[in-house]
Amino acid sequence: MYPIECVKYVNFPTIPKDVIDSMIPSQADLSEAKERHYISTHTNVEKLNNWGRENIADSIYLNYQILFNDVPAHVDRNTKSKLLYIVEAGGDNVYTNFYTNEKKTELIFSTIIEPGRWCLFEADVAHEIVGMDKDKMRLGITGQIFRDFTPSTRPQPLTGLYDRQ
């Protein structure tokens, strides 16, 4: 259907419910995510990272994203590709669309990412998230392997499309 694929599923273990339940977002994180439509947070991820190091790779770093409402086309400027695990989709028909650029000149790939499955995600390709149910939360876990990771401390743009501490 599309000339390239920007999402590839991998056979990593399902994250246990008790590990997911340990990632309790603060009220401040939820409020900020609703206001900005997106945050990536590094709070309450110790149990998640311990699980990831035992079950996926010794050098993995995992954090989570909270999204509310659609997210406009953007490029993740801090990583080329990442692991992604959708916990809550944010609706029944939530699409991730990939484009040749952030102006959405040409659609190159579109998919509904399945909850409860790990995938490799091409984060350096312009992408948007559309079709979310209004005010319904999308919760995703992202991961990087092969390097030590220190959460970003750089100032955040108004769009909120970058990691924050």
N, C-alpha and C. Protein backbone atom coordinates (compact mmCIF):
# COMPACT_ATOMS: atom_id res chain seq x y z
N MET A 1 0.82 -1.20 0.00
CA MET A 1 0.00 0.00 0.00
C MET A 1 0.86 1.26 0.00
N TYR A 2 1.87 1.34 0.89
CA TYR A 2 2.75 2.50 0.96
C TYR A 2 4.15 2.06 0.53
N PRO A 3 4.94 2.99 -0.02
CA PRO A 3 6.27 2.60 -0.48
C PRO A 3 7.24 2.25 0.65
N ILE A 4 7.01 2.77 1.85
CA ILE A 4 7.87 2.43 2.99
C ILE A 4 6.98 2.18 4.21
N GLU A 5 7.55 1.55 5.20
CA GLU A 5 6.87 1.38 6.47
C GLU A 5 7.65 2.13 7.53
N CYS A 6 6.96 2.83 8.40
CA CYS A 6 7.61 3.60 9.45
C CYS A 6 7.36 3.01 10.83
N VAL A 7 6.60 1.93 10.88
CA VAL A 7 6.31 1.21 12.12
C VAL A 7 6.50 -0.28 11.84
N LYS A 8 7.33 -0.94 12.64
CA LYS A 8 7.55 -2.38 12.50
C LYS A 8 7.37 -3.02 13.86
N TYR A 9 6.52 -4.03 13.95
CA TYR A 9 6.28 -4.73 15.22
C TYR A 9 7.45 -5.66 15.53
N VAL A 10 7.78 -5.74 16.82
CA VAL A 10 8.84 -6.62 17.30
C VAL A 10 8.27 -7.51 18.41
N ASN A 11 8.85 -8.67 18.56
CA ASN A 11 8.34 -9.66 19.52
C ASN A 11 9.02 -9.54 20.87
N PHE A 12 8.74 -8.46 21.56
CA PHE A 12 9.19 -8.29 22.93
C PHE A 12 8.03 -8.65 23.86
N PRO A 13 8.32 -8.97 25.11
CA PRO A 13 7.25 -9.37 26.03
C PRO A 13 6.26 -8.24 26.31
N THR A 14 5.04 -8.64 26.59
CA THR A 14 4.00 -7.70 27.02
C THR A 14 4.38 -7.16 28.40
N ILE A 15 4.16 -5.88 28.59
CA ILE A 15 4.47 -5.28 29.89
C ILE A 15 3.39 -5.69 30.89
N PRO A 16 3.76 -6.25 32.02
CA PRO A 16 2.77 -6.68 33.01
C PRO A 16 1.96 -5.49 33.57
N LYS A 17 0.74 -5.77 33.94
CA LYS A 17 -0.17 -4.74 34.47
C LYS A 17 0.41 -4.03 35.69
N ASP A 18 1.06 -4.78 36.59
CA ASP A 18 1.59 -4.13 37.80
C ASP A 18 2.70 -3.14 37.47
N VAL A 19 3.45 -3.38 36.40
CA VAL A 19 4.49 -2.44 35.97
C VAL A 19 3.82 -1.19 35.39
N ILE A 20 2.83 -1.38 34.55
CA ILE A 20 2.10 -0.24 33.98
C ILE A 20 1.43 0.56 35.09
N ASP A 21 0.82 -0.13 36.04
CA ASP A 21 0.14 0.56 37.15
C ASP A 21 1.10 1.36 38.01
N SER A 22 2.39 1.02 37.99
CA SER A 22 3.37 1.76 38.80
C SER A 22 3.68 3.14 38.22
N MET A 23 3.33 3.36 36.96
CA MET A 23 3.57 4.64 36.31
C MET A 23 2.39 5.56 36.57
N ILE A 24 2.32 6.08 37.75
CA ILE A 24 1.18 6.92 38.12
C ILE A 24 1.52 8.36 37.78
N PRO A 25 0.87 8.91 36.74
CA PRO A 25 1.16 10.31 36.41
C PRO A 25 0.64 11.24 37.50
N SER A 26 1.43 12.26 37.77
CA SER A 26 0.99 13.25 38.75
C SER A 26 -0.15 14.07 38.17
N GLN A 27 -0.89 14.72 39.04
CA GLN A 27 -1.96 15.59 38.58
C GLN A 27 -1.38 16.72 37.74
N ALA A 28 -0.19 17.19 38.10
CA ALA A 28 0.47 18.25 37.33
C ALA A 28 0.80 17.77 35.91
N ASP A 29 1.29 16.52 35.78
CA ASP A 29 1.57 15.96 34.46
C ASP A 29 0.31 15.85 33.62
N LEU A 30 -0.77 15.38 34.24
CA LEU A 30 -2.04 15.25 33.50
C LEU A 30 -2.56 16.60 33.06
N SER A 31 -2.49 17.59 33.93
CA SER A 31 -2.95 18.94 33.59
C SER A 31 -2.12 19.52 32.46
N GLU A 32 -0.80 19.35 32.56
CA GLU A 32 0.08 19.88 31.51
C GLU A 32 -0.17 19.18 30.18
N ALA A 33 -0.37 17.87 30.22
CA ALA A 33 -0.64 17.12 28.99
C ALA A 33 -1.95 17.59 28.35
N LYS A 34 -2.96 17.86 29.15
CA LYS A 34 -4.23 18.35 28.60
C LYS A 34 -4.06 19.73 27.97
N GLU A 35 -3.27 20.57 28.62
CA GLU A 35 -3.06 21.93 28.11
C GLU A 35 -2.21 21.94 26.84
N ARG A 36 -1.14 21.14 26.83
CA ARG A 36 -0.21 21.14 25.70
C ARG A 36 -0.52 20.04 24.69
N HIS A 37 -1.44 19.14 25.02
CA HIS A 37 -1.84 17.97 24.22
C HIS A 37 -0.83 16.84 24.30
N TYR A 38 0.37 17.07 24.86
CA TYR A 38 1.41 16.06 24.87
C TYR A 38 2.46 16.38 25.93
N ILE A 39 2.89 15.36 26.65
CA ILE A 39 4.12 15.46 27.42
C ILE A 39 4.81 14.10 27.39
N SER A 40 6.11 14.14 27.55
CA SER A 40 6.91 12.94 27.73
C SER A 40 7.54 13.10 29.10
N THR A 41 7.33 12.13 29.97
CA THR A 41 7.77 12.30 31.34
C THR A 41 8.68 11.17 31.80
N HIS A 42 9.52 11.50 32.75
CA HIS A 42 10.49 10.56 33.29
C HIS A 42 10.22 10.29 34.77
N THR A 43 9.01 10.59 35.23
CA THR A 43 8.66 10.36 36.63
C THR A 43 8.02 8.98 36.78
N ASN A 44 8.26 8.36 37.91
CA ASN A 44 7.68 7.04 38.22
C ASN A 44 8.00 5.97 37.18
N VAL A 45 9.25 5.93 36.71
CA VAL A 45 9.63 4.94 35.70
C VAL A 45 10.65 3.92 36.21
N GLU A 46 10.95 3.93 37.48
CA GLU A 46 11.96 3.01 38.02
C GLU A 46 11.56 1.54 37.82
N LYS A 47 10.34 1.18 38.20
CA LYS A 47 9.89 -0.21 38.05
C LYS A 47 9.82 -0.59 36.57
N LEU A 48 9.38 0.34 35.73
CA LEU A 48 9.32 0.11 34.29
C LEU A 48 10.72 -0.17 33.73
N ASN A 49 11.69 0.64 34.12
CA ASN A 49 13.05 0.45 33.63
C ASN A 49 13.69 -0.83 34.16
N ASN A 50 13.43 -1.18 35.40
CA ASN A 50 13.93 -2.45 35.94
C ASN A 50 13.36 -3.62 35.13
N TRP A 51 12.07 -3.56 34.84
CA TRP A 51 11.45 -4.61 34.03
C TRP A 51 12.08 -4.65 32.64
N GLY A 52 12.26 -3.50 32.03
CA GLY A 52 12.84 -3.43 30.69
C GLY A 52 14.25 -4.00 30.64
N ARG A 53 15.04 -3.73 31.66
CA ARG A 53 16.42 -4.23 31.70
C ARG A 53 16.45 -5.75 31.93
N GLU A 54 15.47 -6.27 32.62
CA GLU A 54 15.40 -7.72 32.85
C GLU A 54 14.82 -8.47 31.66
N ASN A 55 13.94 -7.81 30.87
CA ASN A 55 13.19 -8.52 29.84
C ASN A 55 13.50 -8.13 28.40
N ILE A 56 14.15 -6.98 28.19
CA ILE A 56 14.42 -6.55 26.82
C ILE A 56 15.91 -6.36 26.57
N ALA A 57 16.55 -5.45 27.30
CA ALA A 57 17.99 -5.21 27.10
C ALA A 57 18.57 -4.54 28.34
N ASP A 58 19.80 -4.89 28.66
CA ASP A 58 20.47 -4.31 29.82
C ASP A 58 20.59 -2.79 29.74
N SER A 59 20.70 -2.28 28.52
CA SER A 59 20.97 -0.85 28.34
C SER A 59 19.75 -0.07 27.87
N ILE A 60 18.55 -0.53 28.18
CA ILE A 60 17.34 0.17 27.74
C ILE A 60 16.98 1.29 28.71
N TYR A 61 16.43 2.35 28.17
CA TYR A 61 15.82 3.40 29.00
C TYR A 61 14.40 3.59 28.51
N LEU A 62 13.43 3.50 29.42
CA LEU A 62 12.02 3.64 29.09
C LEU A 62 11.42 4.83 29.83
N ASN A 63 10.53 5.53 29.18
CA ASN A 63 9.73 6.57 29.82
C ASN A 63 8.34 6.51 29.20
N TYR A 64 7.47 7.43 29.56
CA TYR A 64 6.14 7.37 28.97
C TYR A 64 5.65 8.72 28.50
N GLN A 65 4.72 8.65 27.56
CA GLN A 65 4.10 9.83 26.96
C GLN A 65 2.62 9.84 27.31
N ILE A 66 2.12 11.03 27.56
CA ILE A 66 0.69 11.21 27.76
C ILE A 66 0.22 12.19 26.69
N LEU A 67 -0.79 11.81 25.94
CA LEU A 67 -1.32 12.66 24.89
C LEU A 67 -2.81 12.86 25.09
N PHE A 68 -3.27 14.05 24.81
CA PHE A 68 -4.70 14.35 24.79
C PHE A 68 -4.98 15.07 23.48
N ASN A 69 -5.97 14.60 22.76
CA ASN A 69 -6.37 15.19 21.49
C ASN A 69 -5.29 14.97 20.44
N ASP A 70 -5.59 15.29 19.20
CA ASP A 70 -4.66 15.03 18.11
C ASP A 70 -3.36 15.81 18.29
N VAL A 71 -2.29 15.27 17.74
CA VAL A 71 -0.98 15.91 17.80
C VAL A 71 -0.58 16.25 16.36
N PRO A 72 -0.24 17.51 16.10
CA PRO A 72 0.09 17.92 14.73
C PRO A 72 1.38 17.28 14.22
N ALA A 73 1.58 17.38 12.92
CA ALA A 73 2.78 16.81 12.30
C ALA A 73 4.02 17.44 12.90
N HIS A 74 4.98 16.59 13.23
CA HIS A 74 6.24 17.03 13.82
C HIS A 74 7.29 15.94 13.61
N VAL A 75 8.53 16.27 13.90
CA VAL A 75 9.64 15.33 13.87
C VAL A 75 10.25 15.31 15.26
N ASP A 76 10.48 14.13 15.80
CA ASP A 76 11.17 14.02 17.08
C ASP A 76 12.64 14.31 16.83
N ARG A 77 13.11 15.43 17.29
CA ARG A 77 14.46 15.87 16.95
C ARG A 77 15.55 15.27 17.83
N ASN A 78 15.17 14.50 18.83
CA ASN A 78 16.19 13.96 19.73
C ASN A 78 16.46 12.48 19.51
N THR A 79 15.85 11.87 18.49
CA THR A 79 16.10 10.45 18.23
C THR A 79 15.69 10.09 16.80
N LYS A 80 16.38 9.13 16.23
CA LYS A 80 16.04 8.69 14.87
C LYS A 80 14.89 7.68 14.90
N SER A 81 15.01 6.71 15.79
CA SER A 81 13.96 5.71 15.94
C SER A 81 13.88 5.34 17.41
N LYS A 82 12.75 4.78 17.78
CA LYS A 82 12.57 4.41 19.18
C LYS A 82 11.62 3.22 19.27
N LEU A 83 11.64 2.59 20.41
CA LEU A 83 10.65 1.57 20.70
C LEU A 83 9.38 2.27 21.17
N LEU A 84 8.25 1.72 20.83
CA LEU A 84 6.97 2.30 21.25
C LEU A 84 6.02 1.17 21.64
N TYR A 85 5.33 1.40 22.75
CA TYR A 85 4.34 0.44 23.26
C TYR A 85 3.13 1.26 23.68
N ILE A 86 2.03 1.12 22.97
CA ILE A 86 0.82 1.86 23.30
C ILE A 86 0.06 1.09 24.38
N VAL A 87 -0.20 1.77 25.49
CA VAL A 87 -0.96 1.18 26.59
C VAL A 87 -2.44 1.50 26.39
N GLU A 88 -2.75 2.76 26.18
CA GLU A 88 -4.12 3.22 25.91
C GLU A 88 -4.08 4.02 24.62
N ALA A 89 -4.91 3.67 23.66
CA ALA A 89 -4.84 4.25 22.32
C ALA A 89 -5.41 5.67 22.22
N GLY A 90 -6.34 6.02 23.09
CA GLY A 90 -6.96 7.34 22.99
C GLY A 90 -8.17 7.35 22.07
N GLY A 91 -8.64 6.19 21.68
CA GLY A 91 -9.81 6.08 20.81
C GLY A 91 -9.71 4.82 19.97
N ASP A 92 -10.79 4.52 19.23
CA ASP A 92 -10.82 3.29 18.44
C ASP A 92 -10.18 3.43 17.06
N ASN A 93 -10.11 4.65 16.55
CA ASN A 93 -9.58 4.86 15.19
C ASN A 93 -8.51 5.95 15.21
N VAL A 94 -7.48 5.73 16.02
CA VAL A 94 -6.39 6.69 16.13
C VAL A 94 -5.29 6.28 15.15
N TYR A 95 -5.04 7.15 14.19
CA TYR A 95 -4.04 6.89 13.17
C TYR A 95 -2.76 7.67 13.44
N THR A 96 -1.64 7.05 13.13
CA THR A 96 -0.37 7.75 13.07
C THR A 96 -0.03 7.83 11.59
N ASN A 97 0.05 9.06 11.09
CA ASN A 97 0.34 9.31 9.68
C ASN A 97 1.75 9.86 9.54
N PHE A 98 2.49 9.36 8.57
CA PHE A 98 3.86 9.80 8.32
C PHE A 98 3.90 10.52 6.97
N TYR A 99 4.67 11.59 6.93
CA TYR A 99 4.74 12.45 5.74
C TYR A 99 6.18 12.71 5.33
N THR A 100 6.34 13.22 4.12
CA THR A 100 7.67 13.58 3.63
C THR A 100 8.25 14.76 4.40
N ASN A 101 7.39 15.60 5.01
CA ASN A 101 7.87 16.75 5.79
C ASN A 101 6.76 17.21 6.72
N GLU A 102 7.07 18.18 7.58
CA GLU A 102 6.10 18.66 8.56
C GLU A 102 4.96 19.46 7.94
N LYS A 103 5.12 19.88 6.69
CA LYS A 103 4.03 20.57 5.97
C LYS A 103 3.02 19.58 5.39
N LYS A 104 3.30 18.28 5.58
CA LYS A 104 2.42 17.19 5.13
C LYS A 104 2.25 17.19 3.61
N THR A 105 3.37 17.41 2.92
CA THR A 105 3.35 17.47 1.46
C THR A 105 2.85 16.17 0.85
N GLU A 106 3.38 15.04 1.35
CA GLU A 106 2.98 13.75 0.80
C GLU A 106 2.88 12.71 1.92
N LEU A 107 1.75 12.03 2.00
CA LEU A 107 1.55 10.95 2.96
C LEU A 107 2.37 9.75 2.49
N ILE A 108 3.24 9.22 3.37
CA ILE A 108 4.04 8.07 2.98
C ILE A 108 3.69 6.80 3.74
N PHE A 109 2.99 6.93 4.88
CA PHE A 109 2.61 5.75 5.64
C PHE A 109 1.53 6.15 6.64
N SER A 110 0.56 5.27 6.85
CA SER A 110 -0.51 5.52 7.81
C SER A 110 -0.89 4.20 8.47
N THR A 111 -1.07 4.24 9.80
CA THR A 111 -1.39 3.00 10.50
C THR A 111 -2.08 3.30 11.83
N ILE A 112 -2.83 2.35 12.32
CA ILE A 112 -3.30 2.34 13.69
C ILE A 112 -2.33 1.44 14.45
N ILE A 113 -1.61 2.02 15.39
CA ILE A 113 -0.64 1.23 16.17
C ILE A 113 -1.40 0.43 17.22
N GLU A 114 -1.18 -0.86 17.20
CA GLU A 114 -1.91 -1.76 18.08
C GLU A 114 -1.47 -1.62 19.54
N PRO A 115 -2.40 -1.42 20.45
CA PRO A 115 -2.05 -1.40 21.88
C PRO A 115 -1.53 -2.76 22.33
N GLY A 116 -0.64 -2.74 23.31
CA GLY A 116 -0.15 -3.98 23.90
C GLY A 116 0.90 -4.70 23.08
N ARG A 117 1.47 -4.03 22.06
CA ARG A 117 2.52 -4.63 21.24
C ARG A 117 3.66 -3.64 21.08
N TRP A 118 4.88 -4.13 21.13
CA TRP A 118 6.04 -3.30 20.90
C TRP A 118 6.24 -3.10 19.41
N CYS A 119 6.68 -1.90 19.06
CA CYS A 119 7.05 -1.65 17.67
C CYS A 119 8.26 -0.73 17.63
N LEU A 120 8.96 -0.78 16.51
CA LEU A 120 10.00 0.20 16.21
C LEU A 120 9.31 1.33 15.45
N PHE A 121 9.62 2.54 15.82
CA PHE A 121 8.91 3.71 15.33
C PHE A 121 9.93 4.69 14.76
N GLU A 122 9.79 5.09 13.51
CA GLU A 122 10.72 6.04 12.89
C GLU A 122 10.35 7.45 13.31
N ALA A 123 10.97 7.89 14.39
CA ALA A 123 10.63 9.17 15.00
C ALA A 123 11.17 10.38 14.26
N ASP A 124 12.17 10.17 13.39
CA ASP A 124 12.74 11.29 12.65
C ASP A 124 12.04 11.52 11.31
N VAL A 125 10.93 10.84 11.09
CA VAL A 125 10.08 11.09 9.92
C VAL A 125 8.87 11.88 10.42
N ALA A 126 8.50 12.93 9.70
CA ALA A 126 7.36 13.76 10.11
C ALA A 126 6.13 12.88 10.32
N HIS A 127 5.48 13.04 11.48
CA HIS A 127 4.32 12.22 11.80
C HIS A 127 3.31 13.01 12.63
N GLU A 128 2.07 12.61 12.51
CA GLU A 128 0.99 13.21 13.30
C GLU A 128 0.15 12.09 13.89
N ILE A 129 -0.63 12.43 14.91
CA ILE A 129 -1.56 11.48 15.50
C ILE A 129 -2.94 12.10 15.37
N VAL A 130 -3.86 11.40 14.70
CA VAL A 130 -5.19 11.94 14.44
C VAL A 130 -6.27 10.91 14.78
N GLY A 131 -7.45 11.42 15.07
CA GLY A 131 -8.59 10.56 15.35
C GLY A 131 -8.80 10.25 16.81
N MET A 132 -8.07 10.95 17.69
CA MET A 132 -8.25 10.70 19.12
C MET A 132 -9.61 11.21 19.57
N ASP A 133 -10.23 10.48 20.47
CA ASP A 133 -11.48 10.93 21.06
C ASP A 133 -11.19 12.14 21.94
N LYS A 134 -12.03 13.14 21.85
CA LYS A 134 -11.81 14.38 22.59
C LYS A 134 -11.65 14.09 24.08
N ASP A 135 -10.59 14.61 24.64
CA ASP A 135 -10.26 14.51 26.06
C ASP A 135 -10.00 13.08 26.56
N LYS A 136 -9.82 12.13 25.64
CA LYS A 136 -9.45 10.79 26.04
C LYS A 136 -7.93 10.68 26.00
N MET A 137 -7.34 10.04 27.00
CA MET A 137 -5.89 9.96 27.11
C MET A 137 -5.31 8.85 26.25
N ARG A 138 -4.18 9.14 25.63
CA ARG A 138 -3.35 8.14 24.96
C ARG A 138 -2.10 8.00 25.80
N LEU A 139 -1.79 6.78 26.19
CA LEU A 139 -0.62 6.52 27.01
C LEU A 139 0.29 5.59 26.24
N GLY A 140 1.52 6.03 26.03
CA GLY A 140 2.50 5.23 25.31
C GLY A 140 3.81 5.18 26.07
N ILE A 141 4.49 4.07 25.95
CA ILE A 141 5.81 3.91 26.55
C ILE A 141 6.82 3.94 25.42
N THR A 142 7.86 4.74 25.59
CA THR A 142 8.91 4.80 24.57
C THR A 142 10.22 4.35 25.17
N GLY A 143 11.08 3.82 24.32
CA GLY A 143 12.35 3.33 24.80
C GLY A 143 13.47 3.53 23.81
N GLN A 144 14.65 3.63 24.37
CA GLN A 144 15.88 3.72 23.58
C GLN A 144 16.88 2.72 24.15
N ILE A 145 17.65 2.14 23.24
CA ILE A 145 18.66 1.15 23.61
C ILE A 145 20.01 1.62 23.07
N PHE A 146 21.08 1.10 23.60
CA PHE A 146 22.45 1.29 23.13
C PHE A 146 23.15 2.52 23.67
N ARG A 147 22.56 3.25 24.59
CA ARG A 147 23.28 4.38 25.16
C ARG A 147 22.69 4.71 26.52
N ASP A 148 23.53 5.26 27.37
CA ASP A 148 23.02 5.76 28.63
C ASP A 148 22.16 6.96 28.33
N PHE A 149 21.12 7.15 29.07
CA PHE A 149 20.17 8.21 28.76
C PHE A 149 20.00 9.10 29.98
N THR A 150 20.15 10.38 29.75
CA THR A 150 19.87 11.37 30.78
C THR A 150 18.71 12.20 30.27
N PRO A 151 17.63 12.28 31.00
CA PRO A 151 16.48 13.07 30.52
C PRO A 151 16.89 14.49 30.19
N SER A 152 16.26 15.02 29.16
CA SER A 152 16.56 16.37 28.67
C SER A 152 16.20 17.42 29.71
N THR A 153 17.03 18.43 29.79
CA THR A 153 16.74 19.56 30.68
C THR A 153 16.62 20.85 29.88
N ARG A 154 16.63 20.76 28.54
CA ARG A 154 16.54 21.97 27.73
C ARG A 154 15.14 22.57 27.84
N PRO A 155 15.03 23.89 27.64
CA PRO A 155 13.70 24.53 27.68
C PRO A 155 12.78 23.93 26.63
N GLN A 156 11.51 23.90 26.93
CA GLN A 156 10.54 23.28 26.05
C GLN A 156 9.83 24.30 25.17
N PRO A 157 9.61 23.95 23.90
CA PRO A 157 8.85 24.84 23.03
C PRO A 157 7.38 24.83 23.43
N LEU A 158 6.64 25.80 22.97
CA LEU A 158 5.22 25.90 23.31
C LEU A 158 4.42 24.72 22.81
N THR A 159 4.87 24.08 21.73
CA THR A 159 4.13 22.94 21.20
C THR A 159 4.20 21.72 22.10
N GLY A 160 5.23 21.65 22.94
CA GLY A 160 5.34 20.51 23.85
C GLY A 160 5.69 19.21 23.17
N LEU A 161 6.34 19.27 22.01
CA LEU A 161 6.60 18.05 21.25
C LEU A 161 8.00 17.49 21.50
N TYR A 162 8.62 17.84 22.59
CA TYR A 162 9.93 17.32 22.92
C TYR A 162 9.91 16.76 24.33
N ASP A 163 10.88 15.92 24.63
CA ASP A 163 10.97 15.37 25.98
C ASP A 163 11.19 16.47 27.00
N ARG A 164 10.74 16.22 28.17
CA ARG A 164 10.98 17.14 29.28
C ARG A 164 11.29 16.31 30.52
N GLN A 165 11.87 16.97 31.50
CA GLN A 165 12.21 16.24 32.73
C GLN A 165 11.10 16.37 33.73
